[in-house]
Structures are given as structure tokens and as C-alpha cells.
PDB file of N, CA and C in Angstrom:
ATOM      1  N   MET A   1     112.638  85.635  73.659  1.00  0.00           N
ATOM      2  CA  MET A   1     113.294  85.660  74.910  1.00  0.00           C
ATOM      3  C   MET A   1     114.500  86.718  74.892  1.00  0.00           C
ATOM      4  N   ILE A   2     114.315  87.387  75.955  1.00  0.00           N
ATOM      5  CA  ILE A   2     115.712  88.530  76.508  1.00  0.00           C
ATOM      6  C   ILE A   2     116.447  87.939  77.236  1.00  0.00           C
ATOM      7  N   THR A   3     117.947  88.219  77.190  1.00  0.00           N
ATOM      8  CA  THR A   3     118.380  87.982  78.338  1.00  0.00           C
ATOM      9  C   THR A   3     118.658  89.207  79.280  1.00  0.00           C
ATOM     10  N   VAL A   4     118.316  89.203  80.381  1.00  0.00           N
ATOM     11  CA  VAL A   4     118.559  90.095  81.605  1.00  0.00           C
ATOM     12  C   VAL A   4     119.657  90.307  82.219  1.00  0.00           C
ATOM     13  N   ASN A   5     120.448  91.406  82.736  1.00  0.00           N
ATOM     14  CA  ASN A   5     121.298  91.248  83.769  1.00  0.00           C
ATOM     15  C   ASN A   5     120.696  92.524  84.845  1.00  0.00           C
ATOM     16  N   ILE A   6     120.590  91.781  85.952  1.00  0.00           N
ATOM     17  CA  ILE A   6     120.476  92.839  87.044  1.00  0.00           C
ATOM     18  C   ILE A   6     121.406  93.679  87.740  1.00  0.00           C
ATOM     19  N   MET A   7     121.446  94.812  87.533  1.00  0.00           N
ATOM     20  CA  MET A   7     122.799  95.499  88.324  1.00  0.00           C
ATOM     21  C   MET A   7     122.616  96.173  89.594  1.00  0.00           C
ATOM     22  N   ASP A   8     121.101  96.458  90.017  1.00  0.00           N
ATOM     23  CA  ASP A   8     120.706  97.290  91.148  1.00  0.00           C
ATOM     24  C   ASP A   8     118.990  97.207  91.244  1.00  0.00           C
ATOM     25  N   ALA A   9     119.474  97.111  92.671  1.00  0.00           N
ATOM     26  CA  ALA A   9     117.428  96.921  93.038  1.00  0.00           C
ATOM     27  C   ALA A   9     117.365  97.497  94.355  1.00  0.00           C
ATOM     28  N   ALA A  10     115.908  98.044  94.545  1.00  0.00           N
ATOM     29  CA  ALA A  10     116.006  98.445  95.756  1.00  0.00           C
ATOM     30  C   ALA A  10     114.232  98.421  96.077  1.00  0.00           C
ATOM     31  N   MET A  11     113.909  98.494  97.508  1.00  0.00           N
ATOM     32  CA  MET A  11     112.211  98.354  97.697  1.00  0.00           C
ATOM     33  C   MET A  11     112.427  98.917  98.712  1.00  0.00           C
ATOM     34  N   THR A  12     111.153  99.779  99.246  1.00  0.00           N
ATOM     35  CA  THR A  12     110.734 100.308 100.506  1.00  0.00           C
ATOM     36  C   THR A  12     109.408 100.094 100.917  1.00  0.00           C
ATOM     37  N   TYR A  13     108.868  99.924 102.293  1.00  0.00           N
ATOM     38  CA  TYR A  13     107.568  99.858 102.579  1.00  0.00           C
ATOM     39  C   TYR A  13     107.002 100.575 103.588  1.00  0.00           C
ATOM     40  N   SER A  14     105.855 101.366 103.085  1.00  0.00           N
ATOM     41  CA  SER A  14     105.156 102.179 104.235  1.00  0.00           C
ATOM     42  C   SER A  14     103.838 101.800 104.094  1.00  0.00           C
ATOM     43  N   LYS A  15     103.234 101.657 105.391  1.00  0.00           N
ATOM     44  CA  LYS A  15     101.665 101.622 105.218  1.00  0.00           C
ATOM     45  C   LYS A  15     100.875 102.605 104.468  1.00  0.00           C
ATOM     46  N   GLU A  16     101.306 104.078 104.411  1.00  0.00           N
ATOM     47  CA  GLU A  16     100.441 105.081 103.473  1.00  0.00           C
ATOM     48  C   GLU A  16     100.895 104.286 101.983  1.00  0.00           C
ATOM     49  N   SER A  17     102.080 104.176 101.559  1.00  0.00           N
ATOM     50  CA  SER A  17     102.289 104.180  99.878  1.00  0.00           C
ATOM     51  C   SER A  17     102.284 102.605  99.928  1.00  0.00           C
ATOM     52  N   GLY A  18     102.679 101.417 100.328  1.00  0.00           N
ATOM     53  CA  GLY A  18     102.688 100.242 100.135  1.00  0.00           C
ATOM     54  C   GLY A  18     104.065  99.933  99.864  1.00  0.00           C
ATOM     55  N   TYR A  19     104.305  98.834  98.683  1.00  0.00           N
ATOM     56  CA  TYR A  19     105.512  98.812  98.572  1.00  0.00           C
ATOM     57  C   TYR A  19     106.015  99.261  97.244  1.00  0.00           C
ATOM     58  N   VAL A  20     107.312  99.939  97.220  1.00  0.00           N
ATOM     59  CA  VAL A  20     107.648 100.521  96.049  1.00  0.00           C
ATOM     60  C   VAL A  20     109.017 100.291  95.740  1.00  0.00           C
ATOM     61  N   GLY A  21     109.111 100.002  94.438  1.00  0.00           N
ATOM     62  CA  GLY A  21     110.680  99.230  94.608  1.00  0.00           C
ATOM     63  C   GLY A  21     111.080  99.866  92.957  1.00  0.00           C
ATOM     64  N   ARG A  22     112.392  99.620  92.963  1.00  0.00           N
ATOM     65  CA  ARG A  22     113.049 100.184  91.420  1.00  0.00           C
ATOM     66  C   ARG A  22     114.236  98.964  91.281  1.00  0.00           C
ATOM     67  N   VAL A  23     114.339  98.543  89.983  1.00  0.00           N
ATOM     68  CA  VAL A  23     115.607  97.633  89.425  1.00  0.00           C
ATOM     69  C   VAL A  23     115.743  98.240  88.275  1.00  0.00           C
ATOM     70  N   HIS A  24     117.540  98.264  88.262  1.00  0.00           N
ATOM     71  CA  HIS A  24     117.957  98.873  87.204  1.00  0.00           C
ATOM     72  C   HIS A  24     118.481  97.414  86.619  1.00  0.00           C
ATOM     73  N   PHE A  25     118.644  97.325  85.417  1.00  0.00           N
ATOM     74  CA  PHE A  25     118.801  96.350  84.456  1.00  0.00           C
ATOM     75  C   PHE A  25     119.703  96.600  83.235  1.00  0.00           C
ATOM     76  N   SER A  26     120.458  95.622  82.540  1.00  0.00           N
ATOM     77  CA  SER A  26     120.964  95.968  81.122  1.00  0.00           C
ATOM     78  C   SER A  26     119.893  94.663  80.334  1.00  0.00           C
ATOM     79  N   VAL A  27     119.780  94.752  79.179  1.00  0.00           N
ATOM     80  CA  VAL A  27     119.205  93.575  78.268  1.00  0.00           C
ATOM     81  C   VAL A  27     120.316  93.584  77.230  1.00  0.00           C
ATOM     82  N   GLU A  28     120.833  91.987  76.915  1.00  0.00           N
ATOM     83  CA  GLU A  28     121.688  91.783  76.061  1.00  0.00           C
ATOM     84  C   GLU A  28     121.541  92.092  74.629  1.00  0.00           C
ATOM     85  N   GLY A  29     122.518  93.003  74.098  1.00  0.00           N
ATOM     86  CA  GLY A  29     122.220  93.286  72.721  1.00  0.00           C
ATOM     87  C   GLY A  29     121.735  94.875  72.843  1.00  0.00           C
ATOM     88  N   HIS A  30     121.290  95.492  73.710  1.00  0.00           N
ATOM     89  CA  HIS A  30     120.555  96.643  73.877  1.00  0.00           C
ATOM     90  C   HIS A  30     121.595  97.811  74.418  1.00  0.00           C
ATOM     91  N   THR A  31     121.581  98.868  73.324  1.00  0.00           N
ATOM     92  CA  THR A  31     122.752  99.764  74.030  1.00  0.00           C
ATOM     93  C   THR A  31     122.544 100.301  75.102  1.00  0.00           C
ATOM     94  N   HIS A  32     121.406 100.808  75.594  1.00  0.00           N
ATOM     95  CA  HIS A  32     121.330 101.325  77.114  1.00  0.00           C
ATOM     96  C   HIS A  32     120.800 100.810  77.967  1.00  0.00           C
ATOM     97  N   ASP A  33     120.786 101.010  79.419  1.00  0.00           N
ATOM     98  CA  ASP A  33     120.224 100.193  80.335  1.00  0.00           C
ATOM     99  C   ASP A  33     118.765 100.996  80.801  1.00  0.00           C
ATOM    100  N   TYR A  34     118.263  99.870  81.311  1.00  0.00           N
ATOM    101  CA  TYR A  34     116.941 100.415  82.103  1.00  0.00           C
ATOM    102  C   TYR A  34     116.143 100.534  83.516  1.00  0.00           C
ATOM    103  N   GLU A  35     115.363 100.818  83.722  1.00  0.00           N
ATOM    104  CA  GLU A  35     114.731 100.918  85.031  1.00  0.00           C
ATOM    105  C   GLU A  35     113.429 100.736  84.898  1.00  0.00           C
ATOM    106  N   ILE A  36     112.977  99.687  86.025  1.00  0.00           N
ATOM    107  CA  ILE A  36     111.848  99.460  86.404  1.00  0.00           C
ATOM    108  C   ILE A  36     111.275  99.806  87.491  1.00  0.00           C
ATOM    109  N   THR A  37     110.087 100.736  87.589  1.00  0.00           N
ATOM    110  CA  THR A  37     109.770 100.942  88.831  1.00  0.00           C
ATOM    111  C   THR A  37     108.477  99.962  89.265  1.00  0.00           C
ATOM    112  N   LEU A  38     108.240  99.699  90.595  1.00  0.00           N
ATOM    113  CA  LEU A  38     107.388  98.820  90.823  1.00  0.00           C
ATOM    114  C   LEU A  38     106.587  99.329  91.783  1.00  0.00           C
ATOM    115  N   HIS A  39     105.168  99.181  92.038  1.00  0.00           N
ATOM    116  CA  HIS A  39     104.406  99.456  93.165  1.00  0.00           C
ATOM    117  C   HIS A  39     103.456  98.696  93.284  1.00  0.00           C
ATOM    118  N   SER A  40     103.084  98.113  94.858  1.00  0.00           N
ATOM    119  CA  SER A  40     101.763  97.391  95.166  1.00  0.00           C
ATOM    120  C   SER A  40     101.737  97.668  96.477  1.00  0.00           C
ATOM    121  N   LYS A  41      99.872  98.031  96.560  1.00  0.00           N
ATOM    122  CA  LYS A  41      99.688  98.542  97.744  1.00  0.00           C
ATOM    123  C   LYS A  41      99.816  97.008  98.914  1.00  0.00           C
ATOM    124  N   ARG A  42      99.890  96.036  98.514  1.00  0.00           N
ATOM    125  CA  ARG A  42      99.631  94.927  99.585  1.00  0.00           C
ATOM    126  C   ARG A  42     100.692  93.818  99.104  1.00  0.00           C
ATOM    127  N   GLY A  43     101.699  94.123  98.157  1.00  0.00           N
ATOM    128  CA  GLY A  43     102.514  93.088  97.647  1.00  0.00           C
ATOM    129  C   GLY A  43     102.283  91.981  96.916  1.00  0.00           C
ATOM    130  N   THR A  44     100.875  92.036  96.166  1.00  0.00           N
ATOM    131  CA  THR A  44     100.629  90.949  95.405  1.00  0.00           C
ATOM    132  C   THR A  44     100.379  91.134  93.895  1.00  0.00           C
ATOM    133  N   GLU A  45      99.639  92.483  93.504  1.00  0.00           N
ATOM    134  CA  GLU A  45      99.223  93.012  92.574  1.00  0.00           C
ATOM    135  C   GLU A  45     100.085  94.140  92.239  1.00  0.00           C
ATOM    136  N   TRP A  46     101.189  94.232  91.286  1.00  0.00           N
ATOM    137  CA  TRP A  46     102.111  94.878  90.781  1.00  0.00           C
ATOM    138  C   TRP A  46     102.010  95.537  89.750  1.00  0.00           C
ATOM    139  N   GLY A  47     101.850  97.238  89.867  1.00  0.00           N
ATOM    140  CA  GLY A  47     102.135  97.915  88.833  1.00  0.00           C
ATOM    141  C   GLY A  47     103.317  98.341  88.317  1.00  0.00           C
ATOM    142  N   TYR A  48     103.798  98.966  87.016  1.00  0.00           N
ATOM    143  CA  TYR A  48     105.098  99.314  86.658  1.00  0.00           C
ATOM    144  C   TYR A  48     105.369 100.278  85.820  1.00  0.00           C
ATOM    145  N   GLY A  49     106.275 101.088  85.662  1.00  0.00           N
ATOM    146  CA  GLY A  49     106.897 101.899  84.790  1.00  0.00           C
ATOM    147  C   GLY A  49     108.092 101.235  84.353  1.00  0.00           C
ATOM    148  N   LEU A  50     108.230 101.497  82.888  1.00  0.00           N
ATOM    149  CA  LEU A  50     109.621 101.138  82.307  1.00  0.00           C
ATOM    150  C   LEU A  50     110.209 102.084  81.599  1.00  0.00           C
ATOM    151  N   PHE A  51     111.245 102.285  81.844  1.00  0.00           N
ATOM    152  CA  PHE A  51     112.360 103.635  81.264  1.00  0.00           C
ATOM    153  C   PHE A  51     113.739 103.128  81.030  1.00  0.00           C
ATOM    154  N   PHE A  52     114.059 104.143  80.120  1.00  0.00           N
ATOM    155  CA  PHE A  52     115.915 103.995  80.283  1.00  0.00           C
ATOM    156  C   PHE A  52     116.428 104.770  81.277  1.00  0.00           C
ATOM    157  N   LEU A  53     117.489 103.812  81.523  1.00  0.00           N
ATOM    158  CA  LEU A  53     118.092 104.223  82.881  1.00  0.00           C
ATOM    159  C   LEU A  53     118.686 105.696  83.275  1.00  0.00           C
ATOM    160  N   ASN A  54     119.836 105.962  82.102  1.00  0.00           N
ATOM    161  CA  ASN A  54     120.615 107.096  82.262  1.00  0.00           C
ATOM    162  C   ASN A  54     120.348 108.009  81.189  1.00  0.00           C
ATOM    163  N   GLN A  55     119.883 107.699  79.607  1.00  0.00           N
ATOM    164  CA  GLN A  55     119.801 108.110  78.734  1.00  0.00           C
ATOM    165  C   GLN A  55     118.799 107.573  77.388  1.00  0.00           C
ATOM    166  N   SER A  56     118.301 108.452  76.753  1.00  0.00           N
ATOM    167  CA  SER A  56     117.199 107.604  76.021  1.00  0.00           C
ATOM    168  C   SER A  56     117.866 106.790  74.984  1.00  0.00           C
ATOM    169  N   GLY A  57     117.040 106.019  74.621  1.00  0.00           N
ATOM    170  CA  GLY A  57     117.614 105.180  73.330  1.00  0.00           C
ATOM    171  C   GLY A  57     116.572 104.682  72.601  1.00  0.00           C
ATOM    172  N   LYS A  58     116.665 103.777  72.019  1.00  0.00           N
ATOM    173  CA  LYS A  58     115.989 103.296  70.695  1.00  0.00           C
ATOM    174  C   LYS A  58     114.278 103.010  71.244  1.00  0.00           C
ATOM    175  N   GLU A  59     113.025 103.467  70.678  1.00  0.00           N
ATOM    176  CA  GLU A  59     111.782 103.324  71.170  1.00  0.00           C
ATOM    177  C   GLU A  59     111.776 101.859  70.598  1.00  0.00           C
ATOM    178  N   GLU A  60     112.038 101.271  69.738  1.00  0.00           N
ATOM    179  CA  GLU A  60     111.727 100.166  69.538  1.00  0.00           C
ATOM    180  C   GLU A  60     112.333  98.953  70.282  1.00  0.00           C
ATOM    181  N   GLN A  61     113.494  99.576  70.848  1.00  0.00           N
ATOM    182  CA  GLN A  61     114.067  98.585  72.129  1.00  0.00           C
ATOM    183  C   GLN A  61     113.265  98.623  73.350  1.00  0.00           C
ATOM    184  N   LEU A  62     113.101  99.603  73.956  1.00  0.00           N
ATOM    185  CA  LEU A  62     112.089  99.865  75.124  1.00  0.00           C
ATOM    186  C   LEU A  62     110.925  99.226  74.668  1.00  0.00           C
ATOM    187  N   GLU A  63     110.098  99.255  73.452  1.00  0.00           N
ATOM    188  CA  GLU A  63     108.890  98.288  73.476  1.00  0.00           C
ATOM    189  C   GLU A  63     109.030  96.669  73.358  1.00  0.00           C
ATOM    190  N   GLU A  64     110.207  96.287  72.737  1.00  0.00           N
ATOM    191  CA  GLU A  64     110.548  95.094  72.890  1.00  0.00           C
ATOM    192  C   GLU A  64     110.648  94.432  74.508  1.00  0.00           C
ATOM    193  N   VAL A  65     111.480  95.168  75.640  1.00  0.00           N
ATOM    194  CA  VAL A  65     111.442  95.032  76.834  1.00  0.00           C
ATOM    195  C   VAL A  65     110.052  95.028  77.300  1.00  0.00           C
ATOM    196  N   GLU A  66     109.402  96.063  77.046  1.00  0.00           N
ATOM    197  CA  GLU A  66     108.105  96.240  77.592  1.00  0.00           C
ATOM    198  C   GLU A  66     106.941  95.014  77.147  1.00  0.00           C
ATOM    199  N   ASP A  67     106.999  94.471  75.970  1.00  0.00           N
ATOM    200  CA  ASP A  67     106.337  93.487  75.451  1.00  0.00           C
ATOM    201  C   ASP A  67     107.269  92.027  76.359  1.00  0.00           C
ATOM    202  N   GLU A  68     108.160  92.262  76.164  1.00  0.00           N
ATOM    203  CA  GLU A  68     108.607  90.655  76.806  1.00  0.00           C
ATOM    204  C   GLU A  68     108.154  90.684  78.413  1.00  0.00           C
ATOM    205  N   LEU A  69     108.065  92.106  79.052  1.00  0.00           N
ATOM    206  CA  LEU A  69     107.523  92.142  80.336  1.00  0.00           C
ATOM    207  C   LEU A  69     106.053  91.805  80.484  1.00  0.00           C
ATOM    208  N   GLU A  70     105.042  91.740  79.492  1.00  0.00           N
ATOM    209  CA  GLU A  70     103.878  91.584  79.373  1.00  0.00           C
ATOM    210  C   GLU A  70     103.440  90.072  78.846  1.00  0.00           C
ATOM    211  N   GLU A  71     104.574  89.488  78.513  1.00  0.00           N
ATOM    212  CA  GLU A  71     104.464  88.188  78.048  1.00  0.00           C
ATOM    213  C   GLU A  71     104.960  87.098  78.810  1.00  0.00           C
ATOM    214  N   ASN A  72     106.185  87.453  79.823  1.00  0.00           N
ATOM    215  CA  ASN A  72     107.191  86.528  80.151  1.00  0.00           C
ATOM    216  C   ASN A  72     107.028  86.805  81.663  1.00  0.00           C
ATOM    217  N   ASP A  73     105.959  86.139  82.629  1.00  0.00           N
ATOM    218  CA  ASP A  73     105.507  86.084  83.943  1.00  0.00           C
ATOM    219  C   ASP A  73     107.145  85.826  84.401  1.00  0.00           C
ATOM    220  N   GLU A  74     107.993  85.010  84.352  1.00  0.00           N
ATOM    221  CA  GLU A  74     108.618  84.664  85.053  1.00  0.00           C
ATOM    222  C   GLU A  74     109.932  85.723  84.857  1.00  0.00           C
ATOM    223  N   LEU A  75     109.924  86.499  83.649  1.00  0.00           N
ATOM    224  CA  LEU A  75     111.034  87.603  83.758  1.00  0.00           C
ATOM    225  C   LEU A  75     110.382  88.729  84.760  1.00  0.00           C
ATOM    226  N   PHE A  76     109.178  88.948  84.735  1.00  0.00           N
ATOM    227  CA  PHE A  76     108.528  89.915  85.466  1.00  0.00           C
ATOM    228  C   PHE A  76     108.746  89.565  87.021  1.00  0.00           C
ATOM    229  N   ASP A  77     108.489  88.501  87.053  1.00  0.00           N
ATOM    230  CA  ASP A  77     108.443  88.177  88.693  1.00  0.00           C
ATOM    231  C   ASP A  77     110.149  87.840  89.113  1.00  0.00           C
ATOM    232  N   GLN A  78     111.229  87.649  88.246  1.00  0.00           N
ATOM    233  CA  GLN A  78     112.150  88.229  88.830  1.00  0.00           C
ATOM    234  C   GLN A  78     113.049  89.274  89.086  1.00  0.00           C
ATOM    235  N   LEU A  79     112.551  90.253  88.325  1.00  0.00           N
ATOM    236  CA  LEU A  79     112.579  91.837  88.704  1.00  0.00           C
ATOM    237  C   LEU A  79     111.854  92.243  89.922  1.00  0.00           C
ATOM    238  N   VAL A  80     110.470  91.473  90.296  1.00  0.00           N
ATOM    239  CA  VAL A  80     109.814  91.879  91.452  1.00  0.00           C
ATOM    240  C   VAL A  80     110.653  91.175  92.562  1.00  0.00           C
ATOM    241  N   GLN A  81     111.175  90.156  92.508  1.00  0.00           N
ATOM    242  CA  GLN A  81     111.870  89.385  93.411  1.00  0.00           C
ATOM    243  C   GLN A  81     113.527  90.025  93.783  1.00  0.00           C
ATOM    244  N   ALA A  82     114.214  90.774  92.689  1.00  0.00           N
ATOM    245  CA  ALA A  82     115.090  91.346  92.940  1.00  0.00           C
ATOM    246  C   ALA A  82     114.982  92.400  93.759  1.00  0.00           C
ATOM    247  N   ALA A  83     113.934  93.086  93.848  1.00  0.00           N
ATOM    248  CA  ALA A  83     113.533  94.377  94.455  1.00  0.00           C
ATOM    249  C   ALA A  83     113.316  93.934  96.245  1.00  0.00           C
ATOM    250  N   LYS A  84     112.454  92.997  95.925  1.00  0.00           N
ATOM    251  CA  LYS A  84     111.805  92.358  97.288  1.00  0.00           C
ATOM    252  C   LYS A  84     112.940  91.872  98.102  1.00  0.00           C
ATOM    253  N   ASP A  85     113.906  91.371  97.228  1.00  0.00           N
ATOM    254  CA  ASP A  85     115.164  90.970  98.356  1.00  0.00           C
ATOM    255  C   ASP A  85     115.769  91.978  98.808  1.00  0.00           C
ATOM    256  N   LYS A  86     115.768  93.132  98.412  1.00  0.00           N
ATOM    257  CA  LYS A  86     116.412  94.465  99.048  1.00  0.00           C
ATOM    258  C   LYS A  86     115.407  95.172 100.035  1.00  0.00           C
ATOM    259  N   LEU A  87     114.561  94.652 100.314  1.00  0.00           N
ATOM    260  CA  LEU A  87     113.450  95.352 101.255  1.00  0.00           C
ATOM    261  C   LEU A  87     113.983  95.089 102.841  1.00  0.00           C
ATOM    262  N   ALA A  88     114.021  96.159 103.460  1.00  0.00           N
ATOM    263  CA  ALA A  88     114.551  96.268 105.059  1.00  0.00           C
ATOM    264  C   ALA A  88     113.570  95.484 105.849  1.00  0.00           C
ATOM    265  N   PRO A  89     113.974  94.925 106.661  1.00  0.00           N
ATOM    266  CA  PRO A  89     113.249  94.153 107.491  1.00  0.00           C
ATOM    267  C   PRO A  89     112.526  94.703 108.274  1.00  0.00           C
ATOM    268  N   LYS A  90     111.253  94.615 108.471  1.00  0.00           N
ATOM    269  CA  LYS A  90     110.131  95.697 109.349  1.00  0.00           C
ATOM    270  C   LYS A  90     110.632  95.548 110.969  1.00  0.00           C
TER     271      LYS A  90
END
């Protein structure tokens, strides 16, 4: 289990693109911060990309976060909710 600190989040919605969001976060014990980009046409099933935020870090650490996101629905939902909380009202 990893400990995540959310630093920033954003989300937009358009009829054409659906929901597009991003969350910047740090992981306890990791040298570099991360960005997850999120996309969902209807706001239910989410696709994502995970990247280092400002500069590349250790591939093993990125893979550790990726594995945790795949296994830990609560963590993934926390990141999605952080972005959804920033969605401007329609």
C-alpha cells in the first residue's frame, strides 16, 4: 500500500470529448511527483495514463504506482474524485 498526497487536480467536460481530467500527486518515499490523466465519455468507465510530472524518475517507481492503481480501486477512485471535485458546474 502506498501513501499518496494530492497536490493539484482539474477536470473539464464537453459533449464531444466527455470528461478529461488530471491529478498531480506525490508518493511517500518516491523522489519524483506524478501526473495521472483521466478520460471518460460518460463519467463511469475511466481510462488513464500515468506519467512523471516534471522530470523522469526511476522506472521501477512508476511501475510500482501503476501496479498499485491496478490493484487498489480505492486509490484510483480517490484520484478520480479529486479531479471530479474540480469540475466546473454545467
